[in-house]
C-alpha cells in the first residue's frame, strides 16, 4: 500500500530527499510523474490510467508535505522499509489503508518508473 503523510506533519522536509521515486512533494507544489523517474511524455500507468509524465499536476495538499500514491512503492526495489517513515521525527508517514497494494504490484510500479 502507498504511504500517506498525516496532518501531524510538521513540514520539516526530512522525508522528501529520502524518496527514491520522488513521490513526496512540499505542500502547494505541483507534481509530475517524470520527476525522479524514467517516465517521459504520454504513458499508461500500471493502474491503466493514461497520463502525460511531463504535465504538472495539482498539489494533493496545500499545507503539508504529501505523497503521490501512483508514485509510491513503499521503497520496494530500493530499500527494506519506507525511508520516509524511517526518517520522520513525528511518525506521520504511515501506510494508507485506501491504497493497499501487493509486493508484486509495488515492484511492478517500481520497474515501470525506473527502466533499469
Protein backbone atom coordinates (compact mmCIF):
# COMPACT_ATOMS: atom_id res chain seq x y z
CA UNK A 1 0.00 0.00 0.00
CA UNK A 2 1.15 3.54 -0.55
CA UNK A 3 2.32 5.63 2.37
CA UNK A 4 0.44 8.78 3.37
CA UNK A 5 1.55 11.74 5.44
CA UNK A 6 -0.90 12.54 8.21
CA UNK A 7 -1.86 16.02 9.35
CA UNK A 8 0.58 15.67 12.26
CA UNK A 9 3.28 16.62 9.70
CA UNK A 10 5.49 19.46 10.98
CA UNK A 11 6.81 20.32 7.48
CA UNK A 12 10.40 19.51 8.46
CA UNK A 13 11.18 18.18 4.98
CA UNK A 14 13.25 15.20 6.19
CA UNK A 15 11.24 12.75 4.07
CA UNK A 16 11.42 14.46 0.68
CA UNK A 17 15.09 13.77 -0.24
CA UNK A 18 14.81 10.17 1.01
CA UNK A 19 12.18 9.10 -1.54
CA UNK A 20 13.74 7.10 -4.40
CA UNK A 21 10.68 7.72 -6.59
CA UNK A 22 10.37 11.47 -5.95
CA UNK A 23 6.82 10.75 -4.76
CA UNK A 24 7.00 13.28 -1.90
CA UNK A 25 6.34 16.95 -2.52
CA UNK A 26 6.16 20.04 -0.35
CA UNK A 27 2.65 21.32 0.27
CA UNK A 28 1.30 23.53 -2.55
CA UNK A 29 3.98 22.31 -5.01
CA UNK A 30 2.83 20.83 -8.33
CA UNK A 31 3.98 17.27 -9.08
CA UNK A 32 4.87 15.30 -12.23
CA UNK A 33 5.18 11.60 -12.98
CA UNK A 34 8.51 12.39 -14.71
CA UNK A 35 10.10 13.84 -11.55
CA UNK A 36 12.80 11.42 -10.40
CA UNK A 37 11.68 8.64 -12.76
CA UNK A 38 12.44 7.45 -16.30
CA UNK A 39 8.92 8.36 -17.43
CA UNK A 40 8.54 10.86 -20.26
CA UNK A 41 5.67 12.01 -22.46
CA UNK A 42 2.43 10.06 -22.75
CA UNK A 43 2.33 6.96 -20.54
CA UNK A 44 -0.20 4.40 -19.39
CA UNK A 45 0.27 3.75 -15.68
CA UNK A 46 0.15 0.23 -14.21
CA UNK A 47 -3.30 1.19 -12.89
CA UNK A 48 -4.42 1.63 -16.52
CA UNK A 49 -4.74 5.41 -16.25
CA UNK A 50 -3.29 7.44 -19.13
CA UNK A 51 -1.21 10.50 -18.29
CA UNK A 52 1.47 12.80 -19.63
CA UNK A 53 4.52 12.32 -17.42
CA UNK A 54 5.73 15.88 -18.02
CA UNK A 55 2.49 17.69 -17.20
CA UNK A 56 2.19 19.44 -13.86
CA UNK A 57 -0.49 18.06 -11.58
CA UNK A 58 -2.31 19.91 -8.82
CA UNK A 59 -0.85 19.53 -5.31
CA UNK A 60 -2.55 16.89 -3.15
CA UNK A 61 -2.12 19.19 -0.14
CA UNK A 62 -1.67 22.93 0.18
CA UNK A 63 -0.45 22.82 3.77
CA UNK A 64 1.79 19.82 4.44
CA UNK A 65 4.13 17.52 2.55
CA UNK A 66 2.27 14.88 0.58
CA UNK A 67 2.93 11.58 -1.19
CA UNK A 68 1.63 10.81 -4.70
CA UNK A 69 0.09 7.30 -4.38
CA UNK A 70 0.75 6.41 -8.04
CA UNK A 71 4.49 7.04 -7.49
CA UNK A 72 4.88 5.46 -4.03
CA UNK A 73 6.27 1.92 -3.96
CA UNK A 74 6.93 1.85 -0.19
CA UNK A 75 10.59 1.82 -1.32
CA UNK A 76 10.15 -1.72 -2.74
CA UNK A 77 13.01 -2.33 -5.15
CA UNK A 78 15.22 0.14 -3.30
CA UNK A 79 15.13 -0.38 0.49
CA UNK A 80 13.82 -2.84 3.08
CA UNK A 81 11.43 -0.28 4.57
CA UNK A 82 9.81 3.01 3.54
CA UNK A 83 12.53 5.62 4.00
CA UNK A 84 10.09 8.46 4.67
CA UNK A 85 8.76 6.62 7.71
CA UNK A 86 12.29 5.74 8.85
CA UNK A 87 13.38 9.41 8.99
CA UNK A 88 10.13 11.09 10.08
CA UNK A 89 10.62 12.64 13.54
CA UNK A 90 6.88 12.65 14.33
CA UNK A 91 5.91 9.27 12.80
CA UNK A 92 3.37 10.78 10.42
CA UNK A 93 4.37 8.69 7.36
CA UNK A 94 2.05 5.70 7.69
CA UNK A 95 0.50 3.02 5.44
CA UNK A 96 -2.54 4.27 3.54
CA UNK A 97 -5.43 1.84 4.05
CA UNK A 98 -7.15 3.37 0.99
CA UNK A 99 -4.24 2.28 -1.26
CA UNK A 100 -3.40 -1.32 -0.37
CA UNK A 101 -1.07 -2.99 -2.88
CA UNK A 102 0.73 -6.33 -3.01
CA UNK A 103 4.52 -6.62 -3.05
CA UNK A 104 4.22 -7.72 -6.69
CA UNK A 105 2.22 -4.61 -7.61
CA UNK A 106 4.67 -2.34 -5.79
CA UNK A 107 7.59 -3.98 -7.61
CA UNK A 108 5.78 -3.62 -10.95
CA UNK A 109 5.29 0.12 -10.26
CA UNK A 110 9.00 0.44 -9.39
CA UNK A 111 10.07 -1.32 -12.60
CA UNK A 112 7.63 0.79 -14.64
CA UNK A 113 9.05 4.07 -13.29
CA UNK A 114 12.72 3.03 -13.42
CA UNK A 115 13.57 1.12 -16.61
CA UNK A 116 16.83 -0.40 -15.34
